[in-house]
Amino acid sequence: MKRDFKYLQQNSELTLRQGVEEYTAGYEHLNKNDGESEASRWFFCHDCTHVIFGTIPFQLRGESINDVLTLCGTDMTIKKYLKFFEFVDYDVVLKSYVKRYKSKFKVYLKLASLIPICVVAINRGLRMKKKWQWFEPEQYLDIPLWKVRQDFGIKVIGPYK
């Protein structure tokens, strides 16, 4: 499903706060992610990375790019990021992708086809001017996305298929 979110535009005038609001409104099944629990705090920070990196959630492509950029362009370590997976039921996630792609094999085939774009994401993440502070997005909430992306050297990867 194609959506014309403004947060996906490289030079989006939306602030990070507005981008997160647009993102959240576009996916009504998202949790509130208000920071009231540890899980909601992790998901809020994760949602901020989708907005700042301009990626679409719930797609293998968008999630793969976002994960790679998180590991290469933020201060998140692999060890810390593994903790995030404690809050995600991957059986449910995998079943949703199997439903969409019709088999586990096709899901894995699709993931393999994303290796080239993930290499691009690795390169862009490593070339960022500075690392995004994964647990500290609040300081950027009222700054336009174009400005944050410019300051960090973030280039949105598109187009989405």
N, C-alpha and C. Protein backbone atom coordinates (compact mmCIF):
# COMPACT_ATOMS: atom_id res chain seq x y z
N MET A 1 0.84 -1.17 0.00
CA MET A 1 0.00 0.00 0.00
C MET A 1 0.89 1.24 0.00
N LYS A 2 0.71 2.07 -0.99
CA LYS A 2 1.53 3.27 -1.15
C LYS A 2 0.86 4.43 -0.42
N ARG A 3 1.65 5.13 0.35
CA ARG A 3 1.15 6.30 1.07
C ARG A 3 2.04 7.48 0.72
N ASP A 4 1.43 8.63 0.64
CA ASP A 4 2.18 9.84 0.33
C ASP A 4 2.44 10.64 1.60
N PHE A 5 3.25 10.08 2.46
CA PHE A 5 3.60 10.75 3.70
C PHE A 5 4.62 11.85 3.42
N LYS A 6 4.42 12.98 4.05
CA LYS A 6 5.36 14.10 3.89
C LYS A 6 6.69 13.80 4.57
N TYR A 7 6.69 12.98 5.63
CA TYR A 7 7.95 12.70 6.34
C TYR A 7 8.92 11.93 5.46
N LEU A 8 8.42 11.31 4.38
CA LEU A 8 9.29 10.54 3.48
C LEU A 8 10.09 11.42 2.52
N GLN A 9 9.69 12.68 2.40
CA GLN A 9 10.37 13.60 1.49
C GLN A 9 11.68 14.08 2.11
N GLN A 10 12.74 14.03 1.35
CA GLN A 10 14.06 14.44 1.83
C GLN A 10 14.01 15.82 2.48
N ASN A 11 13.35 16.75 1.85
CA ASN A 11 13.33 18.14 2.32
C ASN A 11 12.01 18.48 3.02
N SER A 12 11.46 17.52 3.74
CA SER A 12 10.20 17.72 4.43
C SER A 12 10.28 18.89 5.40
N GLU A 13 9.26 19.74 5.34
CA GLU A 13 9.16 20.89 6.24
C GLU A 13 8.60 20.50 7.61
N LEU A 14 8.06 19.26 7.72
CA LEU A 14 7.52 18.82 9.00
C LEU A 14 8.62 18.79 10.06
N THR A 15 8.25 19.09 11.29
CA THR A 15 9.19 18.87 12.40
C THR A 15 9.20 17.36 12.68
N LEU A 16 10.16 16.93 13.44
CA LEU A 16 10.19 15.51 13.83
C LEU A 16 8.89 15.16 14.56
N ARG A 17 8.42 16.03 15.43
CA ARG A 17 7.17 15.79 16.16
C ARG A 17 6.00 15.60 15.18
N GLN A 18 5.89 16.50 14.20
CA GLN A 18 4.82 16.40 13.22
C GLN A 18 4.98 15.14 12.36
N GLY A 19 6.22 14.79 12.05
CA GLY A 19 6.47 13.58 11.29
C GLY A 19 6.04 12.33 12.04
N VAL A 20 6.34 12.29 13.34
CA VAL A 20 5.91 11.15 14.17
C VAL A 20 4.39 11.12 14.26
N GLU A 21 3.76 12.28 14.37
CA GLU A 21 2.29 12.33 14.41
C GLU A 21 1.69 11.83 13.10
N GLU A 22 2.28 12.24 11.96
CA GLU A 22 1.80 11.79 10.66
C GLU A 22 1.99 10.27 10.53
N TYR A 23 3.14 9.80 10.92
CA TYR A 23 3.48 8.38 10.88
C TYR A 23 2.50 7.58 11.73
N THR A 24 2.28 8.02 12.97
CA THR A 24 1.38 7.32 13.88
C THR A 24 -0.06 7.33 13.37
N ALA A 25 -0.51 8.46 12.84
CA ALA A 25 -1.87 8.56 12.31
C ALA A 25 -2.06 7.66 11.09
N GLY A 26 -0.98 7.44 10.35
CA GLY A 26 -1.07 6.61 9.15
C GLY A 26 -1.14 5.12 9.41
N TYR A 27 -0.82 4.72 10.62
CA TYR A 27 -0.82 3.31 10.98
C TYR A 27 -1.61 3.17 12.28
N GLU A 28 -2.92 3.12 12.14
CA GLU A 28 -3.82 3.14 13.29
C GLU A 28 -3.60 1.98 14.26
N HIS A 29 -2.97 0.91 13.82
CA HIS A 29 -2.74 -0.24 14.70
C HIS A 29 -1.49 -0.08 15.58
N LEU A 30 -0.77 1.04 15.40
CA LEU A 30 0.40 1.28 16.25
C LEU A 30 -0.04 1.52 17.69
N ASN A 31 0.81 1.12 18.61
CA ASN A 31 0.56 1.43 20.01
C ASN A 31 0.73 2.92 20.24
N LYS A 32 0.27 3.39 21.36
CA LYS A 32 0.36 4.82 21.68
C LYS A 32 1.82 5.27 21.78
N ASN A 33 2.70 4.42 22.26
CA ASN A 33 4.13 4.72 22.38
C ASN A 33 4.37 6.05 23.08
N ASP A 34 3.75 6.19 24.22
CA ASP A 34 3.81 7.43 24.99
C ASP A 34 4.96 7.46 26.01
N GLY A 35 5.75 6.42 26.05
CA GLY A 35 6.87 6.37 26.98
C GLY A 35 6.47 5.96 28.38
N GLU A 36 5.22 5.59 28.59
CA GLU A 36 4.74 5.19 29.91
C GLU A 36 5.31 3.85 30.36
N SER A 37 5.70 3.01 29.41
CA SER A 37 6.31 1.73 29.75
C SER A 37 7.65 1.63 29.01
N GLU A 38 8.47 0.69 29.43
CA GLU A 38 9.75 0.52 28.76
C GLU A 38 9.55 0.16 27.29
N ALA A 39 8.60 -0.73 27.02
CA ALA A 39 8.34 -1.12 25.63
C ALA A 39 7.89 0.07 24.79
N SER A 40 6.99 0.90 25.33
CA SER A 40 6.51 2.04 24.53
C SER A 40 7.63 3.04 24.30
N ARG A 41 8.56 3.16 25.24
CA ARG A 41 9.71 4.05 25.05
C ARG A 41 10.58 3.55 23.91
N TRP A 42 10.85 2.25 23.90
CA TRP A 42 11.65 1.67 22.81
C TRP A 42 10.96 1.86 21.47
N PHE A 43 9.65 1.62 21.42
CA PHE A 43 8.93 1.77 20.16
C PHE A 43 8.86 3.22 19.72
N PHE A 44 8.74 4.16 20.65
CA PHE A 44 8.76 5.58 20.29
C PHE A 44 10.10 5.93 19.63
N CYS A 45 11.19 5.51 20.23
CA CYS A 45 12.51 5.79 19.66
C CYS A 45 12.66 5.13 18.29
N HIS A 46 12.15 3.92 18.16
CA HIS A 46 12.18 3.21 16.87
C HIS A 46 11.34 3.96 15.84
N ASP A 47 10.14 4.41 16.23
CA ASP A 47 9.28 5.17 15.32
C ASP A 47 9.99 6.45 14.87
N CYS A 48 10.71 7.10 15.77
CA CYS A 48 11.46 8.30 15.40
C CYS A 48 12.50 7.99 14.33
N THR A 49 13.12 6.82 14.40
CA THR A 49 14.11 6.48 13.37
C THR A 49 13.43 6.26 12.02
N HIS A 50 12.24 5.66 12.03
CA HIS A 50 11.51 5.53 10.75
C HIS A 50 11.27 6.90 10.14
N VAL A 51 10.91 7.87 10.97
CA VAL A 51 10.63 9.21 10.47
C VAL A 51 11.91 9.91 10.04
N ILE A 52 12.93 9.90 10.87
CA ILE A 52 14.15 10.63 10.56
C ILE A 52 14.87 10.03 9.34
N PHE A 53 14.83 8.71 9.20
CA PHE A 53 15.47 8.07 8.05
C PHE A 53 14.54 7.98 6.85
N GLY A 54 13.26 8.31 7.03
CA GLY A 54 12.31 8.30 5.92
C GLY A 54 12.01 6.90 5.41
N THR A 55 11.70 5.99 6.33
CA THR A 55 11.40 4.61 5.94
C THR A 55 9.97 4.24 6.29
N ILE A 56 9.43 3.30 5.54
CA ILE A 56 8.06 2.85 5.75
C ILE A 56 8.07 1.59 6.61
N PRO A 57 7.27 1.60 7.67
CA PRO A 57 7.22 0.41 8.55
C PRO A 57 6.37 -0.70 7.94
N PHE A 58 6.49 -1.87 8.53
CA PHE A 58 5.66 -3.02 8.18
C PHE A 58 5.86 -3.50 6.74
N GLN A 59 6.98 -3.12 6.16
CA GLN A 59 7.40 -3.64 4.86
C GLN A 59 8.81 -4.19 5.06
N LEU A 60 9.10 -5.28 4.40
CA LEU A 60 10.44 -5.84 4.54
C LEU A 60 11.50 -4.83 4.13
N ARG A 61 11.25 -4.10 3.06
CA ARG A 61 12.22 -3.12 2.58
C ARG A 61 12.44 -2.01 3.61
N GLY A 62 11.36 -1.38 4.05
CA GLY A 62 11.47 -0.28 4.99
C GLY A 62 12.07 -0.69 6.32
N GLU A 63 11.67 -1.85 6.82
CA GLU A 63 12.21 -2.32 8.10
C GLU A 63 13.68 -2.71 7.96
N SER A 64 14.05 -3.30 6.83
CA SER A 64 15.45 -3.68 6.62
C SER A 64 16.35 -2.46 6.54
N ILE A 65 15.93 -1.46 5.77
CA ILE A 65 16.71 -0.23 5.65
C ILE A 65 16.81 0.44 7.02
N ASN A 66 15.69 0.50 7.73
CA ASN A 66 15.69 1.15 9.04
C ASN A 66 16.61 0.44 10.03
N ASP A 67 16.58 -0.89 10.03
CA ASP A 67 17.46 -1.64 10.94
C ASP A 67 18.93 -1.39 10.61
N VAL A 68 19.27 -1.41 9.32
CA VAL A 68 20.66 -1.18 8.92
C VAL A 68 21.10 0.23 9.29
N LEU A 69 20.26 1.23 9.02
CA LEU A 69 20.61 2.60 9.37
C LEU A 69 20.70 2.78 10.88
N THR A 70 19.86 2.07 11.62
CA THR A 70 19.94 2.12 13.08
C THR A 70 21.29 1.61 13.56
N LEU A 71 21.75 0.52 12.99
CA LEU A 71 23.02 -0.06 13.43
C LEU A 71 24.24 0.68 12.91
N CYS A 72 24.12 1.35 11.75
CA CYS A 72 25.28 2.03 11.17
C CYS A 72 25.26 3.55 11.34
N GLY A 73 24.10 4.12 11.63
CA GLY A 73 24.00 5.57 11.69
C GLY A 73 23.53 6.14 13.02
N THR A 74 23.43 5.28 14.03
CA THR A 74 23.03 5.76 15.35
C THR A 74 24.03 5.26 16.38
N ASP A 75 23.81 5.69 17.61
CA ASP A 75 24.68 5.22 18.69
C ASP A 75 24.20 3.89 19.27
N MET A 76 23.21 3.27 18.64
CA MET A 76 22.69 1.97 19.07
C MET A 76 23.71 0.88 18.73
N THR A 77 23.99 0.03 19.70
CA THR A 77 24.88 -1.10 19.47
C THR A 77 24.04 -2.34 19.15
N ILE A 78 24.68 -3.33 18.58
CA ILE A 78 23.97 -4.59 18.30
C ILE A 78 23.46 -5.19 19.60
N LYS A 79 24.28 -5.16 20.63
CA LYS A 79 23.88 -5.73 21.92
C LYS A 79 22.63 -5.03 22.47
N LYS A 80 22.61 -3.70 22.41
CA LYS A 80 21.43 -2.96 22.88
C LYS A 80 20.22 -3.23 21.98
N TYR A 81 20.47 -3.28 20.67
CA TYR A 81 19.35 -3.46 19.73
C TYR A 81 18.69 -4.82 19.91
N LEU A 82 19.46 -5.81 20.31
CA LEU A 82 18.87 -7.12 20.58
C LEU A 82 17.84 -7.05 21.70
N LYS A 83 18.03 -6.13 22.63
CA LYS A 83 17.06 -5.93 23.70
C LYS A 83 15.71 -5.46 23.13
N PHE A 84 15.76 -4.63 22.10
CA PHE A 84 14.54 -4.15 21.45
C PHE A 84 13.69 -5.33 20.97
N PHE A 85 14.35 -6.37 20.51
CA PHE A 85 13.62 -7.52 19.98
C PHE A 85 12.88 -8.30 21.07
N GLU A 86 13.18 -8.01 22.34
CA GLU A 86 12.41 -8.62 23.43
C GLU A 86 10.97 -8.12 23.45
N PHE A 87 10.74 -6.96 22.85
CA PHE A 87 9.41 -6.35 22.85
C PHE A 87 8.60 -6.69 21.59
N VAL A 88 9.20 -7.45 20.69
CA VAL A 88 8.56 -7.76 19.41
C VAL A 88 8.28 -9.25 19.33
N ASP A 89 7.06 -9.60 18.98
CA ASP A 89 6.70 -11.01 18.79
C ASP A 89 6.97 -11.37 17.33
N TYR A 90 8.15 -11.94 17.08
CA TYR A 90 8.55 -12.20 15.70
C TYR A 90 7.77 -13.33 15.04
N ASP A 91 7.12 -14.19 15.81
CA ASP A 91 6.23 -15.17 15.19
C ASP A 91 5.08 -14.46 14.51
N VAL A 92 4.53 -13.46 15.17
CA VAL A 92 3.43 -12.67 14.60
C VAL A 92 3.91 -11.90 13.38
N VAL A 93 5.09 -11.29 13.49
CA VAL A 93 5.65 -10.53 12.38
C VAL A 93 5.88 -11.44 11.17
N LEU A 94 6.53 -12.58 11.40
CA LEU A 94 6.80 -13.51 10.30
C LEU A 94 5.51 -14.00 9.66
N LYS A 95 4.52 -14.32 10.48
CA LYS A 95 3.22 -14.77 9.93
C LYS A 95 2.59 -13.69 9.06
N SER A 96 2.74 -12.43 9.44
CA SER A 96 2.16 -11.35 8.62
C SER A 96 2.86 -11.27 7.27
N TYR A 97 4.18 -11.47 7.25
CA TYR A 97 4.90 -11.46 5.98
C TYR A 97 4.60 -12.70 5.15
N VAL A 98 4.46 -13.85 5.80
CA VAL A 98 4.10 -15.08 5.08
C VAL A 98 2.73 -14.91 4.44
N LYS A 99 1.82 -14.30 5.16
CA LYS A 99 0.48 -14.05 4.61
C LYS A 99 0.58 -13.17 3.36
N ARG A 100 1.42 -12.16 3.41
CA ARG A 100 1.58 -11.23 2.28
C ARG A 100 2.30 -11.88 1.10
N TYR A 101 3.36 -12.66 1.39
CA TYR A 101 4.19 -13.24 0.33
C TYR A 101 3.85 -14.69 0.00
N LYS A 102 2.96 -15.30 0.75
CA LYS A 102 2.42 -16.64 0.50
C LYS A 102 3.28 -17.80 0.96
N SER A 103 4.52 -17.57 1.37
CA SER A 103 5.34 -18.65 1.92
C SER A 103 6.58 -18.06 2.60
N LYS A 104 7.15 -18.84 3.55
CA LYS A 104 8.38 -18.41 4.22
C LYS A 104 9.50 -18.28 3.20
N PHE A 105 9.55 -19.22 2.26
CA PHE A 105 10.59 -19.19 1.25
C PHE A 105 10.58 -17.86 0.49
N LYS A 106 9.39 -17.40 0.11
CA LYS A 106 9.29 -16.13 -0.63
C LYS A 106 9.66 -14.94 0.25
N VAL A 107 9.38 -15.03 1.55
CA VAL A 107 9.80 -13.98 2.47
C VAL A 107 11.33 -13.91 2.49
N TYR A 108 11.97 -15.06 2.63
CA TYR A 108 13.43 -15.09 2.67
C TYR A 108 14.04 -14.68 1.32
N LEU A 109 13.38 -15.04 0.24
CA LEU A 109 13.83 -14.64 -1.10
C LEU A 109 13.75 -13.11 -1.23
N LYS A 110 12.66 -12.54 -0.74
CA LYS A 110 12.51 -11.08 -0.76
C LYS A 110 13.59 -10.43 0.09
N LEU A 111 13.86 -10.98 1.26
CA LEU A 111 14.93 -10.44 2.11
C LEU A 111 16.28 -10.49 1.39
N ALA A 112 16.55 -11.58 0.71
CA ALA A 112 17.80 -11.71 -0.04
C ALA A 112 17.88 -10.66 -1.15
N SER A 113 16.75 -10.36 -1.76
CA SER A 113 16.74 -9.35 -2.83
C SER A 113 17.02 -7.94 -2.30
N LEU A 114 16.90 -7.77 -1.00
CA LEU A 114 17.12 -6.45 -0.39
C LEU A 114 18.57 -6.21 -0.01
N ILE A 115 19.43 -7.20 -0.19
CA ILE A 115 20.84 -7.04 0.18
C ILE A 115 21.47 -5.83 -0.51
N PRO A 116 21.26 -5.62 -1.83
CA PRO A 116 21.89 -4.45 -2.46
C PRO A 116 21.46 -3.11 -1.83
N ILE A 117 20.18 -2.93 -1.52
CA ILE A 117 19.74 -1.68 -0.93
C ILE A 117 20.24 -1.55 0.51
N CYS A 118 20.43 -2.68 1.17
CA CYS A 118 20.99 -2.64 2.52
C CYS A 118 22.47 -2.24 2.49
N VAL A 119 23.17 -2.61 1.44
CA VAL A 119 24.56 -2.18 1.27
C VAL A 119 24.60 -0.66 1.09
N VAL A 120 23.65 -0.13 0.31
CA VAL A 120 23.53 1.32 0.16
C VAL A 120 23.28 1.96 1.53
N ALA A 121 22.38 1.37 2.31
CA ALA A 121 22.05 1.90 3.64
C ALA A 121 23.27 1.86 4.57
N ILE A 122 24.05 0.78 4.51
CA ILE A 122 25.27 0.68 5.32
C ILE A 122 26.19 1.85 4.96
N ASN A 123 26.41 2.05 3.68
CA ASN A 123 27.29 3.11 3.21
C ASN A 123 26.80 4.48 3.69
N ARG A 124 25.51 4.74 3.54
CA ARG A 124 24.96 6.03 3.95
C ARG A 124 25.02 6.21 5.47
N GLY A 125 24.74 5.14 6.20
CA GLY A 125 24.81 5.22 7.65
C GLY A 125 26.21 5.52 8.14
N LEU A 126 27.19 4.87 7.55
CA LEU A 126 28.58 5.08 7.96
C LEU A 126 29.11 6.46 7.55
N ARG A 127 28.51 7.05 6.52
CA ARG A 127 28.95 8.36 6.03
C ARG A 127 28.22 9.54 6.67
N MET A 128 27.29 9.25 7.57
CA MET A 128 26.59 10.34 8.23
C MET A 128 27.60 11.24 8.96
N LYS A 129 27.27 12.53 9.06
CA LYS A 129 28.16 13.49 9.71
C LYS A 129 28.33 13.21 11.19
N LYS A 130 27.26 12.74 11.81
CA LYS A 130 27.31 12.35 13.23
C LYS A 130 26.24 11.30 13.47
N LYS A 131 26.38 10.58 14.55
CA LYS A 131 25.45 9.50 14.89
C LYS A 131 24.18 10.05 15.52
N TRP A 132 23.05 9.51 15.08
CA TRP A 132 21.76 9.84 15.69
C TRP A 132 21.74 9.23 17.09
N GLN A 133 21.34 10.00 18.07
CA GLN A 133 21.26 9.51 19.46
C GLN A 133 19.90 8.83 19.63
N TRP A 134 19.91 7.52 19.56
CA TRP A 134 18.69 6.72 19.47
C TRP A 134 17.74 6.95 20.63
N PHE A 135 18.25 7.05 21.84
CA PHE A 135 17.40 7.21 23.01
C PHE A 135 17.11 8.68 23.36
N GLU A 136 17.54 9.60 22.53
CA GLU A 136 17.38 11.02 22.85
C GLU A 136 16.76 11.82 21.70
N PRO A 137 15.64 11.37 21.14
CA PRO A 137 15.06 12.11 20.02
C PRO A 137 14.36 13.40 20.44
N GLU A 138 14.03 13.54 21.73
CA GLU A 138 13.25 14.70 22.19
C GLU A 138 13.90 16.04 21.83
N GLN A 139 15.22 16.08 21.84
CA GLN A 139 15.90 17.34 21.56
C GLN A 139 15.69 17.82 20.12
N TYR A 140 15.19 16.93 19.25
CA TYR A 140 14.98 17.27 17.85
C TYR A 140 13.50 17.37 17.46
N LEU A 141 12.61 17.15 18.40
CA LEU A 141 11.18 17.06 18.07
C LEU A 141 10.63 18.31 17.39
N ASP A 142 11.14 19.47 17.70
CA ASP A 142 10.58 20.70 17.14
C ASP A 142 11.46 21.32 16.05
N ILE A 143 12.33 20.51 15.48
CA ILE A 143 13.20 20.95 14.39
C ILE A 143 12.70 20.31 13.09
N PRO A 144 12.64 21.08 12.00
CA PRO A 144 12.19 20.50 10.73
C PRO A 144 13.06 19.32 10.30
N LEU A 145 12.41 18.33 9.72
CA LEU A 145 13.14 17.13 9.28
C LEU A 145 14.27 17.47 8.31
N TRP A 146 14.03 18.40 7.39
CA TRP A 146 15.08 18.74 6.42
C TRP A 146 16.33 19.22 7.14
N LYS A 147 16.14 19.98 8.21
CA LYS A 147 17.27 20.53 8.96
C LYS A 147 18.00 19.44 9.73
N VAL A 148 17.24 18.57 10.39
CA VAL A 148 17.87 17.47 11.12
C VAL A 148 18.65 16.58 10.15
N ARG A 149 18.03 16.26 9.02
CA ARG A 149 18.70 15.41 8.03
C ARG A 149 19.96 16.09 7.49
N GLN A 150 19.88 17.38 7.27
CA GLN A 150 21.06 18.13 6.81
C GLN A 150 22.17 18.09 7.86
N ASP A 151 21.81 18.33 9.12
CA ASP A 151 22.81 18.35 10.19
C ASP A 151 23.49 17.00 10.39
N PHE A 152 22.74 15.91 10.19
CA PHE A 152 23.29 14.57 10.39
C PHE A 152 23.84 13.96 9.10
N GLY A 153 23.53 14.56 7.97
CA GLY A 153 23.95 13.98 6.70
C GLY A 153 23.12 12.77 6.31
N ILE A 154 21.82 12.85 6.59
CA ILE A 154 20.90 11.74 6.27
C ILE A 154 20.29 11.98 4.91
N LYS A 155 20.38 10.99 4.05
CA LYS A 155 19.75 11.04 2.73
C LYS A 155 18.74 9.91 2.68
N VAL A 156 17.47 10.28 2.50
CA VAL A 156 16.39 9.29 2.45
C VAL A 156 16.61 8.38 1.25
N ILE A 157 16.43 7.08 1.49
CA ILE A 157 16.55 6.09 0.41
C ILE A 157 15.15 5.83 -0.15
N GLY A 158 14.98 6.03 -1.41
CA GLY A 158 13.70 5.78 -2.07
C GLY A 158 14.02 5.30 -3.47
N PRO A 159 13.11 5.06 -4.33
CA PRO A 159 11.65 5.08 -4.10
C PRO A 159 11.18 3.78 -3.46
N TYR A 160 9.98 3.82 -2.96
CA TYR A 160 9.41 2.64 -2.31
C TYR A 160 8.55 1.88 -3.28
N LYS A 161 8.69 0.56 -3.23
CA LYS A 161 7.94 -0.31 -4.14
C LYS A 161 7.08 -1.25 -3.35
